[in-house]
Amino acid sequence: MKIERQTSDELILTEGSTAGLIVGAALVVGGAVVGYLLRQQSPYAVWIGLALSVIGIGIILFASSITVRADKKSGQLHYEKKRIVGAKNSSYAIGDVFRIETRKQWRVDNTSQDNQNMQQPQLVAQSVIVFKNGSELALDHQKTSSTTTVGGVALMSGQGAETALAAQVAQFLGVPFQEIMPPNMNSGMNVQF
């Protein structure tokens, strides 16, 4: 999530980019090239190329971008989520926003290193807009912390920038910000008004 433009009356946020489209297109083209060039050497090359192309098409179809525009003059919050296979456009009253939350949770990622399967915890975070009626809108896509392993110790970078941006959005809208931490984290819940 990044702030595209902010004035005293308007805030425009965008999340997502063309990275999903580029990766998907590269897989589609790469799959076609692998299938064509290696078809004589291995009968499985065509199937591998086809699988890469199908995965690329799936990535292209499900890649999305989110744009949120808050306009204090009109009192409206405009939310747009775009995909190649459809879009969602909604408008809400800024007065109906209850709070902005950043939710963090642990997810276990199974990795293998030196022929050993390891379970590595990753911290996943997502910011949401919570309305007074209980409905929610994703302010950004889920973010996974990057993890570096040194020996037996896992070093994780957090989602500090995303949390700071969510707090800035809450401040602009004049609503509370709440950071919900998973169990076994030092700070528990962080609520700012």
N, C-alpha and C. Protein backbone atom coordinates (compact mmCIF):
# COMPACT_ATOMS: atom_id res chain seq x y z
N MET A 1 0.85 -1.16 0.00
CA MET A 1 0.00 0.00 0.00
C MET A 1 0.90 1.22 0.00
N LYS A 2 0.53 2.18 -0.83
CA LYS A 2 1.28 3.43 -0.82
C LYS A 2 0.32 4.59 -1.04
N ILE A 3 0.73 5.73 -0.54
CA ILE A 3 -0.07 6.94 -0.69
C ILE A 3 0.31 7.58 -2.02
N GLU A 4 -0.66 7.67 -2.91
CA GLU A 4 -0.44 8.31 -4.21
C GLU A 4 -0.49 9.83 -4.08
N ARG A 5 -1.49 10.30 -3.30
CA ARG A 5 -1.65 11.74 -3.13
C ARG A 5 -2.38 12.00 -1.83
N GLN A 6 -1.93 13.03 -1.12
CA GLN A 6 -2.61 13.43 0.10
C GLN A 6 -2.63 14.93 0.21
N THR A 7 -3.82 15.47 0.39
CA THR A 7 -4.01 16.88 0.70
C THR A 7 -4.78 16.94 2.00
N SER A 8 -5.16 18.12 2.42
CA SER A 8 -5.92 18.22 3.67
C SER A 8 -7.32 17.63 3.53
N ASP A 9 -7.84 17.54 2.30
CA ASP A 9 -9.20 17.04 2.08
C ASP A 9 -9.28 15.71 1.35
N GLU A 10 -8.18 15.24 0.78
CA GLU A 10 -8.24 14.03 -0.03
C GLU A 10 -7.02 13.14 0.22
N LEU A 11 -7.27 11.83 0.25
CA LEU A 11 -6.22 10.83 0.40
C LEU A 11 -6.47 9.74 -0.62
N ILE A 12 -5.46 9.44 -1.43
CA ILE A 12 -5.59 8.37 -2.43
C ILE A 12 -4.51 7.34 -2.16
N LEU A 13 -4.94 6.08 -1.96
CA LEU A 13 -4.05 4.96 -1.70
C LEU A 13 -4.15 3.96 -2.83
N THR A 14 -3.03 3.34 -3.17
CA THR A 14 -3.05 2.26 -4.17
C THR A 14 -2.28 1.07 -3.61
N GLU A 15 -2.71 -0.09 -3.99
CA GLU A 15 -2.06 -1.35 -3.60
C GLU A 15 -2.10 -2.26 -4.81
N GLY A 16 -0.99 -2.91 -5.06
CA GLY A 16 -0.92 -3.80 -6.20
C GLY A 16 -0.27 -3.10 -7.36
N SER A 17 0.23 -3.88 -8.26
CA SER A 17 0.92 -3.30 -9.40
C SER A 17 0.84 -4.27 -10.56
N THR A 18 1.65 -4.02 -11.53
CA THR A 18 1.66 -4.88 -12.70
C THR A 18 2.57 -6.09 -12.52
N ALA A 19 3.13 -6.26 -11.31
CA ALA A 19 4.06 -7.38 -11.08
C ALA A 19 3.38 -8.73 -11.34
N GLY A 20 2.14 -8.89 -10.91
CA GLY A 20 1.42 -10.15 -11.15
C GLY A 20 1.21 -10.41 -12.62
N LEU A 21 0.90 -9.35 -13.37
CA LEU A 21 0.72 -9.50 -14.81
C LEU A 21 2.02 -9.87 -15.50
N ILE A 22 3.11 -9.25 -15.06
CA ILE A 22 4.42 -9.53 -15.68
C ILE A 22 4.85 -10.96 -15.40
N VAL A 23 4.72 -11.39 -14.14
CA VAL A 23 5.10 -12.77 -13.79
C VAL A 23 4.23 -13.77 -14.54
N GLY A 24 2.93 -13.51 -14.58
CA GLY A 24 2.03 -14.41 -15.31
C GLY A 24 2.36 -14.51 -16.78
N ALA A 25 2.61 -13.36 -17.40
CA ALA A 25 2.96 -13.35 -18.83
C ALA A 25 4.28 -14.08 -19.07
N ALA A 26 5.26 -13.89 -18.17
CA ALA A 26 6.54 -14.58 -18.31
C ALA A 26 6.36 -16.10 -18.22
N LEU A 27 5.48 -16.55 -17.32
CA LEU A 27 5.22 -17.99 -17.22
C LEU A 27 4.51 -18.53 -18.46
N VAL A 28 3.57 -17.77 -19.00
CA VAL A 28 2.88 -18.22 -20.21
C VAL A 28 3.86 -18.34 -21.37
N VAL A 29 4.67 -17.32 -21.58
CA VAL A 29 5.64 -17.34 -22.67
C VAL A 29 6.71 -18.40 -22.42
N GLY A 30 7.22 -18.45 -21.18
CA GLY A 30 8.23 -19.46 -20.84
C GLY A 30 7.71 -20.87 -21.01
N GLY A 31 6.47 -21.10 -20.63
CA GLY A 31 5.87 -22.43 -20.82
C GLY A 31 5.76 -22.81 -22.27
N ALA A 32 5.37 -21.86 -23.11
CA ALA A 32 5.27 -22.14 -24.55
C ALA A 32 6.66 -22.43 -25.13
N VAL A 33 7.65 -21.66 -24.72
CA VAL A 33 9.02 -21.86 -25.23
C VAL A 33 9.56 -23.21 -24.78
N VAL A 34 9.38 -23.56 -23.50
CA VAL A 34 9.86 -24.85 -22.98
C VAL A 34 9.19 -25.99 -23.72
N GLY A 35 7.87 -25.89 -23.88
CA GLY A 35 7.15 -26.96 -24.58
C GLY A 35 7.58 -27.13 -26.02
N TYR A 36 7.84 -26.02 -26.70
CA TYR A 36 8.20 -26.09 -28.10
C TYR A 36 9.65 -26.56 -28.29
N LEU A 37 10.58 -25.95 -27.56
CA LEU A 37 11.99 -26.26 -27.77
C LEU A 37 12.41 -27.64 -27.26
N LEU A 38 11.80 -28.09 -26.21
CA LEU A 38 12.21 -29.36 -25.61
C LEU A 38 11.29 -30.53 -25.94
N ARG A 39 10.36 -30.34 -26.85
CA ARG A 39 9.39 -31.39 -27.17
C ARG A 39 10.04 -32.64 -27.76
N GLN A 40 11.15 -32.47 -28.48
CA GLN A 40 11.82 -33.62 -29.09
C GLN A 40 12.67 -34.38 -28.08
N GLN A 41 13.17 -33.70 -27.06
CA GLN A 41 14.06 -34.33 -26.09
C GLN A 41 13.32 -35.12 -25.03
N SER A 42 12.13 -34.70 -24.67
CA SER A 42 11.40 -35.38 -23.61
C SER A 42 9.89 -35.27 -23.89
N PRO A 43 9.19 -36.37 -23.74
CA PRO A 43 7.74 -36.30 -23.96
C PRO A 43 7.03 -35.50 -22.86
N TYR A 44 7.69 -35.31 -21.73
CA TYR A 44 7.07 -34.56 -20.64
C TYR A 44 7.24 -33.06 -20.79
N ALA A 45 8.10 -32.61 -21.66
CA ALA A 45 8.36 -31.18 -21.83
C ALA A 45 7.10 -30.42 -22.25
N VAL A 46 6.29 -31.04 -23.10
CA VAL A 46 5.06 -30.39 -23.53
C VAL A 46 4.12 -30.19 -22.34
N TRP A 47 4.04 -31.21 -21.48
CA TRP A 47 3.16 -31.13 -20.30
C TRP A 47 3.69 -30.11 -19.29
N ILE A 48 5.00 -30.06 -19.13
CA ILE A 48 5.59 -29.07 -18.22
C ILE A 48 5.35 -27.66 -18.76
N GLY A 49 5.55 -27.48 -20.05
CA GLY A 49 5.29 -26.18 -20.67
C GLY A 49 3.83 -25.78 -20.55
N LEU A 50 2.93 -26.74 -20.75
CA LEU A 50 1.50 -26.46 -20.61
C LEU A 50 1.15 -26.08 -19.17
N ALA A 51 1.74 -26.80 -18.21
CA ALA A 51 1.48 -26.50 -16.80
C ALA A 51 1.96 -25.09 -16.45
N LEU A 52 3.15 -24.72 -16.92
CA LEU A 52 3.65 -23.36 -16.67
C LEU A 52 2.73 -22.31 -17.28
N SER A 53 2.24 -22.57 -18.47
CA SER A 53 1.33 -21.63 -19.13
C SER A 53 0.01 -21.50 -18.36
N VAL A 54 -0.52 -22.60 -17.89
CA VAL A 54 -1.79 -22.57 -17.13
C VAL A 54 -1.59 -21.80 -15.82
N ILE A 55 -0.48 -22.04 -15.14
CA ILE A 55 -0.19 -21.30 -13.91
C ILE A 55 -0.07 -19.81 -14.21
N GLY A 56 0.60 -19.46 -15.29
CA GLY A 56 0.73 -18.05 -15.69
C GLY A 56 -0.62 -17.41 -15.96
N ILE A 57 -1.49 -18.13 -16.65
CA ILE A 57 -2.84 -17.60 -16.93
C ILE A 57 -3.60 -17.39 -15.63
N GLY A 58 -3.48 -18.33 -14.69
CA GLY A 58 -4.14 -18.18 -13.39
C GLY A 58 -3.64 -16.96 -12.64
N ILE A 59 -2.34 -16.74 -12.66
CA ILE A 59 -1.77 -15.57 -11.99
C ILE A 59 -2.29 -14.28 -12.62
N ILE A 60 -2.36 -14.25 -13.94
CA ILE A 60 -2.87 -13.07 -14.63
C ILE A 60 -4.33 -12.81 -14.27
N LEU A 61 -5.15 -13.86 -14.25
CA LEU A 61 -6.57 -13.69 -13.97
C LEU A 61 -6.85 -13.24 -12.54
N PHE A 62 -6.03 -13.66 -11.59
CA PHE A 62 -6.30 -13.35 -10.19
C PHE A 62 -5.47 -12.21 -9.62
N ALA A 63 -4.58 -11.63 -10.41
CA ALA A 63 -3.83 -10.45 -9.95
C ALA A 63 -4.81 -9.29 -9.81
N SER A 64 -4.69 -8.53 -8.74
CA SER A 64 -5.63 -7.44 -8.52
C SER A 64 -4.90 -6.21 -7.99
N SER A 65 -5.58 -5.09 -8.13
CA SER A 65 -5.08 -3.84 -7.56
C SER A 65 -6.24 -3.19 -6.80
N ILE A 66 -5.88 -2.49 -5.73
CA ILE A 66 -6.86 -1.82 -4.87
C ILE A 66 -6.56 -0.33 -4.88
N THR A 67 -7.59 0.48 -5.07
CA THR A 67 -7.47 1.93 -4.97
C THR A 67 -8.53 2.43 -4.00
N VAL A 68 -8.08 3.19 -3.00
CA VAL A 68 -8.99 3.78 -2.01
C VAL A 68 -8.81 5.28 -2.08
N ARG A 69 -9.94 5.98 -2.23
CA ARG A 69 -9.91 7.45 -2.26
C ARG A 69 -10.87 7.97 -1.21
N ALA A 70 -10.32 8.69 -0.24
CA ALA A 70 -11.14 9.31 0.81
C ALA A 70 -11.22 10.80 0.53
N ASP A 71 -12.44 11.31 0.44
CA ASP A 71 -12.67 12.72 0.14
C ASP A 71 -13.45 13.34 1.30
N LYS A 72 -12.79 14.16 2.09
CA LYS A 72 -13.44 14.77 3.25
C LYS A 72 -14.51 15.78 2.85
N LYS A 73 -14.33 16.46 1.71
CA LYS A 73 -15.32 17.45 1.28
C LYS A 73 -16.68 16.82 1.04
N SER A 74 -16.67 15.67 0.33
CA SER A 74 -17.93 14.99 0.05
C SER A 74 -18.30 14.00 1.15
N GLY A 75 -17.34 13.67 2.03
CA GLY A 75 -17.61 12.72 3.10
C GLY A 75 -17.69 11.29 2.60
N GLN A 76 -17.08 11.02 1.46
CA GLN A 76 -17.18 9.70 0.84
C GLN A 76 -15.84 8.98 0.80
N LEU A 77 -15.92 7.68 0.90
CA LEU A 77 -14.78 6.78 0.77
C LEU A 77 -15.07 5.90 -0.44
N HIS A 78 -14.27 6.04 -1.49
CA HIS A 78 -14.46 5.26 -2.72
C HIS A 78 -13.45 4.12 -2.74
N TYR A 79 -13.94 2.92 -2.97
CA TYR A 79 -13.11 1.71 -2.95
C TYR A 79 -13.23 1.02 -4.29
N GLU A 80 -12.08 0.72 -4.91
CA GLU A 80 -12.08 0.06 -6.21
C GLU A 80 -11.07 -1.07 -6.19
N LYS A 81 -11.55 -2.26 -6.52
CA LYS A 81 -10.67 -3.43 -6.64
C LYS A 81 -10.79 -3.93 -8.07
N LYS A 82 -9.67 -3.88 -8.81
CA LYS A 82 -9.69 -4.23 -10.24
C LYS A 82 -8.97 -5.55 -10.47
N ARG A 83 -9.57 -6.35 -11.34
CA ARG A 83 -8.96 -7.57 -11.87
C ARG A 83 -9.26 -7.60 -13.35
N ILE A 84 -8.53 -8.45 -14.04
CA ILE A 84 -8.82 -8.60 -15.47
C ILE A 84 -10.22 -9.18 -15.66
N VAL A 85 -10.65 -10.06 -14.75
CA VAL A 85 -11.95 -10.71 -14.88
C VAL A 85 -13.02 -10.03 -14.02
N GLY A 86 -12.91 -8.73 -13.83
CA GLY A 86 -13.96 -8.04 -13.10
C GLY A 86 -13.40 -6.99 -12.16
N ALA A 87 -14.32 -6.14 -11.70
CA ALA A 87 -13.94 -5.07 -10.79
C ALA A 87 -15.04 -4.87 -9.77
N LYS A 88 -14.66 -4.31 -8.63
CA LYS A 88 -15.62 -3.99 -7.58
C LYS A 88 -15.45 -2.52 -7.25
N ASN A 89 -16.50 -1.74 -7.46
CA ASN A 89 -16.49 -0.32 -7.14
C ASN A 89 -17.56 -0.07 -6.08
N SER A 90 -17.16 0.56 -4.98
CA SER A 90 -18.10 0.83 -3.90
C SER A 90 -17.82 2.21 -3.33
N SER A 91 -18.86 2.82 -2.79
CA SER A 91 -18.72 4.09 -2.09
C SER A 91 -19.34 3.95 -0.71
N TYR A 92 -18.67 4.54 0.27
CA TYR A 92 -19.13 4.48 1.65
C TYR A 92 -19.01 5.86 2.26
N ALA A 93 -19.79 6.12 3.28
CA ALA A 93 -19.66 7.38 4.02
C ALA A 93 -18.47 7.26 4.97
N ILE A 94 -17.64 8.30 5.02
CA ILE A 94 -16.50 8.28 5.94
C ILE A 94 -17.00 8.15 7.38
N GLY A 95 -18.16 8.72 7.67
CA GLY A 95 -18.73 8.63 9.02
C GLY A 95 -19.10 7.22 9.43
N ASP A 96 -19.22 6.31 8.48
CA ASP A 96 -19.55 4.92 8.80
C ASP A 96 -18.32 4.08 9.15
N VAL A 97 -17.12 4.65 8.98
CA VAL A 97 -15.90 3.91 9.31
C VAL A 97 -15.74 3.90 10.82
N PHE A 98 -15.58 2.69 11.38
CA PHE A 98 -15.42 2.52 12.82
C PHE A 98 -13.96 2.63 13.24
N ARG A 99 -13.08 1.92 12.50
CA ARG A 99 -11.64 1.98 12.78
C ARG A 99 -10.88 1.34 11.64
N ILE A 100 -9.56 1.51 11.68
CA ILE A 100 -8.64 0.84 10.76
C ILE A 100 -7.86 -0.17 11.60
N GLU A 101 -7.75 -1.38 11.11
CA GLU A 101 -7.02 -2.43 11.84
C GLU A 101 -5.91 -2.99 10.97
N THR A 102 -4.80 -3.34 11.62
CA THR A 102 -3.78 -4.16 11.00
C THR A 102 -3.74 -5.45 11.81
N ARG A 103 -4.06 -6.55 11.16
CA ARG A 103 -4.12 -7.85 11.82
C ARG A 103 -2.90 -8.65 11.43
N LYS A 104 -2.25 -9.19 12.45
CA LYS A 104 -1.07 -10.02 12.21
C LYS A 104 -1.33 -11.41 12.78
N GLN A 105 -0.85 -12.41 12.06
CA GLN A 105 -1.00 -13.79 12.52
C GLN A 105 0.18 -14.61 12.04
N TRP A 106 0.44 -15.70 12.73
CA TRP A 106 1.51 -16.60 12.35
C TRP A 106 1.00 -17.62 11.36
N ARG A 107 1.79 -17.91 10.36
CA ARG A 107 1.51 -18.96 9.40
C ARG A 107 2.78 -19.80 9.27
N VAL A 108 2.63 -21.10 9.23
CA VAL A 108 3.78 -21.99 9.13
C VAL A 108 4.01 -22.33 7.67
N ASP A 109 5.24 -22.11 7.22
CA ASP A 109 5.63 -22.40 5.85
C ASP A 109 6.54 -23.61 5.87
N ASN A 110 6.20 -24.63 5.11
CA ASN A 110 7.04 -25.83 5.02
C ASN A 110 8.10 -25.62 3.96
N THR A 111 9.35 -25.67 4.37
CA THR A 111 10.46 -25.51 3.44
C THR A 111 11.40 -26.70 3.59
N SER A 112 12.21 -26.90 2.59
CA SER A 112 13.21 -27.96 2.69
C SER A 112 14.58 -27.35 2.44
N GLN A 113 15.53 -27.79 3.26
CA GLN A 113 16.89 -27.30 3.14
C GLN A 113 17.82 -28.48 3.44
N ASP A 114 18.73 -28.76 2.54
CA ASP A 114 19.67 -29.89 2.69
C ASP A 114 18.92 -31.19 2.95
N ASN A 115 17.88 -31.43 2.13
CA ASN A 115 17.06 -32.66 2.22
C ASN A 115 16.38 -32.83 3.56
N GLN A 116 16.14 -31.76 4.30
CA GLN A 116 15.41 -31.81 5.56
C GLN A 116 14.21 -30.90 5.44
N ASN A 117 13.04 -31.42 5.79
CA ASN A 117 11.84 -30.61 5.78
C ASN A 117 11.78 -29.82 7.09
N MET A 118 11.57 -28.51 6.96
CA MET A 118 11.52 -27.65 8.13
C MET A 118 10.23 -26.84 8.09
N GLN A 119 9.67 -26.60 9.26
CA GLN A 119 8.53 -25.71 9.36
C GLN A 119 9.04 -24.37 9.85
N GLN A 120 8.81 -23.34 9.05
CA GLN A 120 9.33 -22.02 9.37
C GLN A 120 8.15 -21.07 9.56
N PRO A 121 8.05 -20.44 10.74
CA PRO A 121 6.94 -19.50 10.96
C PRO A 121 7.15 -18.21 10.17
N GLN A 122 6.06 -17.70 9.63
CA GLN A 122 6.08 -16.42 8.94
C GLN A 122 4.95 -15.56 9.49
N LEU A 123 5.24 -14.31 9.66
CA LEU A 123 4.24 -13.37 10.14
C LEU A 123 3.51 -12.77 8.95
N VAL A 124 2.18 -12.91 8.93
CA VAL A 124 1.35 -12.40 7.85
C VAL A 124 0.51 -11.25 8.40
N ALA A 125 0.46 -10.16 7.66
CA ALA A 125 -0.29 -8.98 8.11
C ALA A 125 -1.20 -8.47 7.00
N GLN A 126 -2.33 -7.91 7.41
CA GLN A 126 -3.24 -7.27 6.47
C GLN A 126 -3.98 -6.16 7.19
N SER A 127 -4.10 -5.02 6.52
CA SER A 127 -4.85 -3.90 7.07
C SER A 127 -6.25 -3.89 6.47
N VAL A 128 -7.24 -3.60 7.32
CA VAL A 128 -8.63 -3.58 6.88
C VAL A 128 -9.33 -2.34 7.41
N ILE A 129 -10.37 -1.94 6.69
CA ILE A 129 -11.26 -0.88 7.13
C ILE A 129 -12.45 -1.58 7.79
N VAL A 130 -12.73 -1.26 9.04
CA VAL A 130 -13.86 -1.86 9.75
C VAL A 130 -14.95 -0.79 9.86
N PHE A 131 -16.16 -1.15 9.43
CA PHE A 131 -17.29 -0.22 9.47
C PHE A 131 -18.13 -0.46 10.72
N LYS A 132 -18.94 0.52 11.06
CA LYS A 132 -19.77 0.45 12.27
C LYS A 132 -20.76 -0.70 12.23
N ASN A 133 -21.18 -1.13 11.02
CA ASN A 133 -22.13 -2.24 10.92
C ASN A 133 -21.44 -3.60 10.97
N GLY A 134 -20.09 -3.62 11.12
CA GLY A 134 -19.34 -4.86 11.23
C GLY A 134 -18.73 -5.35 9.93
N SER A 135 -19.10 -4.74 8.81
CA SER A 135 -18.51 -5.17 7.54
C SER A 135 -17.06 -4.65 7.44
N GLU A 136 -16.30 -5.29 6.58
CA GLU A 136 -14.88 -4.97 6.44
C GLU A 136 -14.48 -4.91 4.98
N LEU A 137 -13.47 -4.09 4.70
CA LEU A 137 -12.85 -4.01 3.38
C LEU A 137 -11.35 -4.11 3.54
N ALA A 138 -10.72 -4.90 2.69
CA ALA A 138 -9.26 -5.02 2.72
C ALA A 138 -8.65 -3.72 2.22
N LEU A 139 -7.78 -3.14 3.02
CA LEU A 139 -7.08 -1.92 2.62
C LEU A 139 -5.87 -2.27 1.76
N ASP A 140 -5.36 -3.49 1.92
CA ASP A 140 -4.23 -3.97 1.14
C ASP A 140 -4.29 -5.49 1.04
N HIS A 141 -3.37 -6.05 0.27
CA HIS A 141 -3.26 -7.50 0.18
C HIS A 141 -2.48 -8.01 1.38
N GLN A 142 -2.62 -9.30 1.69
CA GLN A 142 -1.84 -9.86 2.79
C GLN A 142 -0.36 -9.76 2.49
N LYS A 143 0.41 -9.38 3.50
CA LYS A 143 1.85 -9.26 3.37
C LYS A 143 2.51 -10.29 4.26
N THR A 144 3.53 -10.96 3.74
CA THR A 144 4.28 -11.94 4.50
C THR A 144 5.63 -11.35 4.85
N SER A 145 6.03 -11.56 6.10
CA SER A 145 7.34 -11.05 6.50
C SER A 145 8.42 -11.82 5.79
N SER A 146 9.50 -11.13 5.48
CA SER A 146 10.63 -11.82 4.88
C SER A 146 11.43 -12.45 6.01
N THR A 147 11.94 -13.64 5.76
CA THR A 147 12.64 -14.38 6.80
C THR A 147 14.02 -14.76 6.30
N THR A 148 15.01 -14.56 7.15
CA THR A 148 16.37 -14.96 6.87
C THR A 148 16.80 -15.91 7.97
N THR A 149 17.33 -17.07 7.60
CA THR A 149 17.77 -18.03 8.59
C THR A 149 19.29 -18.01 8.68
N VAL A 150 19.78 -17.83 9.90
CA VAL A 150 21.21 -17.87 10.16
C VAL A 150 21.42 -18.97 11.19
N GLY A 151 21.97 -20.10 10.74
CA GLY A 151 22.08 -21.25 11.64
C GLY A 151 20.70 -21.73 12.01
N GLY A 152 20.42 -21.81 13.29
CA GLY A 152 19.10 -22.23 13.73
C GLY A 152 18.20 -21.08 14.11
N VAL A 153 18.65 -19.85 13.89
CA VAL A 153 17.89 -18.67 14.28
C VAL A 153 17.23 -18.06 13.06
N ALA A 154 15.93 -17.77 13.16
CA ALA A 154 15.20 -17.12 12.08
C ALA A 154 15.07 -15.64 12.40
N LEU A 155 15.53 -14.80 11.49
CA LEU A 155 15.42 -13.36 11.64
C LEU A 155 14.31 -12.88 10.71
N MET A 156 13.32 -12.17 11.26
CA MET A 156 12.17 -11.74 10.45
C MET A 156 12.08 -10.23 10.43
N SER A 157 11.83 -9.70 9.24
CA SER A 157 11.53 -8.28 9.15
C SER A 157 10.02 -8.13 9.27
N GLY A 158 9.59 -7.06 9.87
CA GLY A 158 8.17 -6.88 10.10
C GLY A 158 7.50 -6.08 9.01
N GLN A 159 6.26 -5.77 9.26
CA GLN A 159 5.48 -4.97 8.33
C GLN A 159 5.30 -3.57 8.90
N GLY A 160 6.39 -2.98 9.37
CA GLY A 160 6.33 -1.67 10.02
C GLY A 160 5.82 -0.58 9.12
N ALA A 161 6.23 -0.58 7.86
CA ALA A 161 5.79 0.47 6.93
C ALA A 161 4.29 0.38 6.68
N GLU A 162 3.77 -0.84 6.51
CA GLU A 162 2.34 -1.00 6.27
C GLU A 162 1.53 -0.60 7.49
N THR A 163 2.03 -0.92 8.68
CA THR A 163 1.35 -0.54 9.91
C THR A 163 1.34 0.96 10.07
N ALA A 164 2.46 1.61 9.77
CA ALA A 164 2.53 3.08 9.86
C ALA A 164 1.58 3.74 8.87
N LEU A 165 1.47 3.19 7.65
CA LEU A 165 0.53 3.74 6.67
C LEU A 165 -0.92 3.57 7.12
N ALA A 166 -1.24 2.41 7.67
CA ALA A 166 -2.61 2.18 8.16
C ALA A 166 -2.93 3.17 9.28
N ALA A 167 -1.97 3.43 10.17
CA ALA A 167 -2.18 4.41 11.24
C ALA A 167 -2.37 5.81 10.64
N GLN A 168 -1.65 6.13 9.58
CA GLN A 168 -1.78 7.43 8.92
C GLN A 168 -3.16 7.57 8.28
N VAL A 169 -3.68 6.48 7.69
CA VAL A 169 -5.03 6.50 7.11
C VAL A 169 -6.06 6.75 8.20
N ALA A 170 -5.89 6.06 9.34
CA ALA A 170 -6.82 6.24 10.46
C ALA A 170 -6.79 7.68 10.95
N GLN A 171 -5.61 8.26 11.05
CA GLN A 171 -5.49 9.65 11.49
C GLN A 171 -6.17 10.59 10.50
N PHE A 172 -6.00 10.35 9.21
CA PHE A 172 -6.64 11.19 8.19
C PHE A 172 -8.16 11.12 8.31
N LEU A 173 -8.68 9.90 8.52
CA LEU A 173 -10.13 9.71 8.61
C LEU A 173 -10.69 10.12 9.97
N GLY A 174 -9.82 10.31 10.97
CA GLY A 174 -10.28 10.68 12.30
C GLY A 174 -10.90 9.52 13.05
N VAL A 175 -10.39 8.31 12.81
CA VAL A 175 -10.90 7.12 13.48
C VAL A 175 -9.74 6.43 14.20
N PRO A 176 -10.04 5.55 15.17
CA PRO A 176 -8.97 4.85 15.86
C PRO A 176 -8.25 3.85 14.95
N PHE A 177 -6.99 3.59 15.30
CA PHE A 177 -6.20 2.56 14.64
C PHE A 177 -5.92 1.47 15.66
N GLN A 178 -6.06 0.21 15.23
CA GLN A 178 -5.79 -0.90 16.14
C GLN A 178 -4.91 -1.91 15.43
N GLU A 179 -3.81 -2.26 16.08
CA GLU A 179 -2.91 -3.28 15.58
C GLU A 179 -3.14 -4.53 16.42
N ILE A 180 -3.59 -5.59 15.78
CA ILE A 180 -3.90 -6.83 16.49
C ILE A 180 -2.75 -7.80 16.26
N MET A 181 -2.06 -8.11 17.33
CA MET A 181 -0.89 -8.97 17.26
C MET A 181 -1.28 -10.41 17.58
N PRO A 182 -0.58 -11.38 17.01
CA PRO A 182 -0.87 -12.78 17.33
C PRO A 182 -0.31 -13.14 18.70
N PRO A 183 -0.73 -14.29 19.23
CA PRO A 183 -0.14 -14.74 20.50
C PRO A 183 1.37 -14.89 20.35
N ASN A 184 2.07 -14.79 21.45
CA ASN A 184 3.52 -14.94 21.52
C ASN A 184 4.28 -13.77 20.88
N MET A 185 3.64 -12.64 20.78
CA MET A 185 4.32 -11.42 20.33
C MET A 185 4.41 -10.52 21.55
N ASN A 186 5.40 -9.69 21.62
CA ASN A 186 5.63 -8.90 22.83
C ASN A 186 4.56 -7.86 23.13
N SER A 187 4.06 -7.17 22.11
CA SER A 187 3.25 -6.00 22.42
C SER A 187 1.76 -6.25 22.52
N GLY A 188 1.24 -7.41 22.19
CA GLY A 188 -0.19 -7.67 22.32
C GLY A 188 -0.99 -6.81 21.38
N MET A 189 -1.90 -6.00 21.93
CA MET A 189 -2.73 -5.12 21.10
C MET A 189 -2.22 -3.70 21.23
N ASN A 190 -2.14 -3.02 20.13
CA ASN A 190 -1.69 -1.64 20.12
C ASN A 190 -2.84 -0.80 19.58
N VAL A 191 -3.45 0.02 20.44
CA VAL A 191 -4.57 0.83 20.04
C VAL A 191 -4.15 2.30 20.10
N GLN A 192 -4.39 3.04 19.01
CA GLN A 192 -4.07 4.45 18.98
C GLN A 192 -5.32 5.23 18.65
N PHE A 193 -5.48 6.37 19.31
CA PHE A 193 -6.64 7.22 19.04
C PHE A 193 -6.18 8.54 18.49
